[in-house]
Amino acid sequence: RTLAADTLKAFKTHDMPTAKKNAGELEVAWDTREKALQKKSPDLWGQIDKAMDGFIKPVQDKSPDPAKVQTAYDTFIAKLQLAVKSDAEPKR
């Protein structure tokens, strides 16, 4: 979440080098650190991965649309929240 928020903040302040760098770091961090979720819940992992890609791609475009970036960020955070909820649910 922090990397995503930092990416959005850099984007909003027109610091595109930092936004693009953070977006790349976010993708690497997700791909390397969330293997457990991928094994436990591949469908949820896929939803989050797709939402993250949807956020990262417009940030890395030459002239990104701020509304699309914000919407993609909101979608990504909402999908991440699903993972938090699934961890909070009691095991049966």
Protein backbone atom coordinates (compact mmCIF):
# COMPACT_ATOMS: atom_id res chain seq x y z
CA ARG A 1 0.00 0.00 0.00
CA THR A 2 2.76 2.41 0.88
CA LEU A 3 4.48 2.02 -2.47
CA ALA A 4 1.17 2.47 -4.29
CA ALA A 5 0.37 5.60 -2.26
CA ASP A 6 3.88 6.97 -2.85
CA THR A 7 3.50 6.29 -6.58
CA LEU A 8 0.18 8.13 -6.69
CA LYS A 9 1.55 11.04 -4.66
CA ALA A 10 4.56 11.40 -6.99
CA PHE A 11 2.22 11.21 -9.99
CA LYS A 12 -0.06 13.91 -8.58
CA THR A 13 2.90 16.22 -7.96
CA HIS A 14 4.11 15.61 -11.53
CA ASP A 15 7.28 13.87 -10.33
CA MET A 16 7.11 11.32 -13.12
CA PRO A 17 10.61 9.86 -12.66
CA THR A 18 9.74 8.97 -9.05
CA ALA A 19 6.24 7.76 -9.98
CA LYS A 20 7.64 5.45 -12.65
CA LYS A 21 10.41 4.21 -10.36
CA ASN A 22 7.93 3.49 -7.56
CA ALA A 23 5.56 1.75 -9.98
CA GLY A 24 8.37 -0.56 -11.06
CA GLU A 25 9.32 -1.26 -7.45
CA LEU A 26 5.68 -1.98 -6.61
CA GLU A 27 5.44 -4.56 -9.38
CA VAL A 28 8.66 -6.31 -8.33
CA ALA A 29 7.67 -6.26 -4.65
CA TRP A 30 4.25 -7.74 -5.42
CA ASP A 31 5.60 -10.45 -7.69
CA THR A 32 8.29 -11.54 -5.22
CA ARG A 33 6.56 -11.13 -1.86
CA GLU A 34 3.05 -12.41 -2.43
CA LYS A 35 3.76 -16.02 -3.35
CA ALA A 36 1.84 -17.26 -0.28
CA LEU A 37 -1.34 -15.48 -1.37
CA GLN A 38 -0.88 -16.78 -4.90
CA LYS A 39 -0.79 -20.36 -3.57
CA LYS A 40 -3.57 -19.87 -1.01
CA SER A 41 -5.98 -17.96 -3.23
CA PRO A 42 -4.92 -17.86 -6.88
CA ASP A 43 -8.15 -16.20 -8.00
CA LEU A 44 -7.80 -13.35 -5.50
CA TRP A 45 -4.11 -13.01 -6.29
CA GLY A 46 -5.01 -12.74 -9.98
CA GLN A 47 -7.59 -10.04 -9.30
CA ILE A 48 -5.09 -8.00 -7.30
CA ASP A 49 -2.33 -8.54 -9.86
CA LYS A 50 -4.61 -7.39 -12.68
CA ALA A 51 -5.69 -4.31 -10.69
CA MET A 52 -2.06 -3.48 -9.89
CA ASP A 53 -1.11 -3.78 -13.55
CA GLY A 54 -4.06 -1.51 -14.36
CA PHE A 55 -2.62 1.09 -11.98
CA ILE A 56 1.01 0.78 -13.03
CA LYS A 57 0.50 0.85 -16.80
CA PRO A 58 -1.06 4.33 -17.08
CA VAL A 59 1.52 5.77 -14.68
CA GLN A 60 4.23 4.58 -17.05
CA ASP A 61 2.54 5.96 -20.19
CA LYS A 62 3.94 9.08 -21.87
CA SER A 63 0.93 11.25 -21.04
CA PRO A 64 -1.24 9.49 -18.47
CA ASP A 65 -4.79 10.59 -17.75
CA PRO A 66 -4.99 11.64 -14.07
CA ALA A 67 -8.60 10.43 -13.74
CA LYS A 68 -7.69 6.98 -15.06
CA VAL A 69 -4.68 6.75 -12.74
CA GLN A 70 -6.82 7.67 -9.72
CA THR A 71 -9.54 5.20 -10.68
CA ALA A 72 -6.97 2.45 -11.23
CA TYR A 73 -5.36 3.24 -7.85
CA ASP A 74 -8.74 3.08 -6.10
CA THR A 75 -9.51 -0.27 -7.77
CA PHE A 76 -6.12 -1.67 -6.78
CA ILE A 77 -6.54 -0.62 -3.13
CA ALA A 78 -10.06 -2.11 -3.06
CA LYS A 79 -8.69 -5.42 -4.35
CA LEU A 80 -5.89 -5.36 -1.78
CA GLN A 81 -8.54 -4.90 0.91
CA LEU A 82 -10.12 -8.18 -0.21
CA ALA A 83 -6.88 -9.95 0.71
CA VAL A 84 -6.93 -8.33 4.14
CA LYS A 85 -10.52 -9.47 4.63
CA SER A 86 -9.72 -13.01 3.53
CA ASP A 87 -6.89 -13.17 6.09
CA ALA A 88 -9.26 -11.93 8.80
CA GLU A 89 -11.91 -14.57 8.13
CA PRO A 90 -11.83 -17.50 10.53
CA LYS A 91 -10.38 -20.71 9.18
CA ARG A 92 -12.88 -23.58 8.90
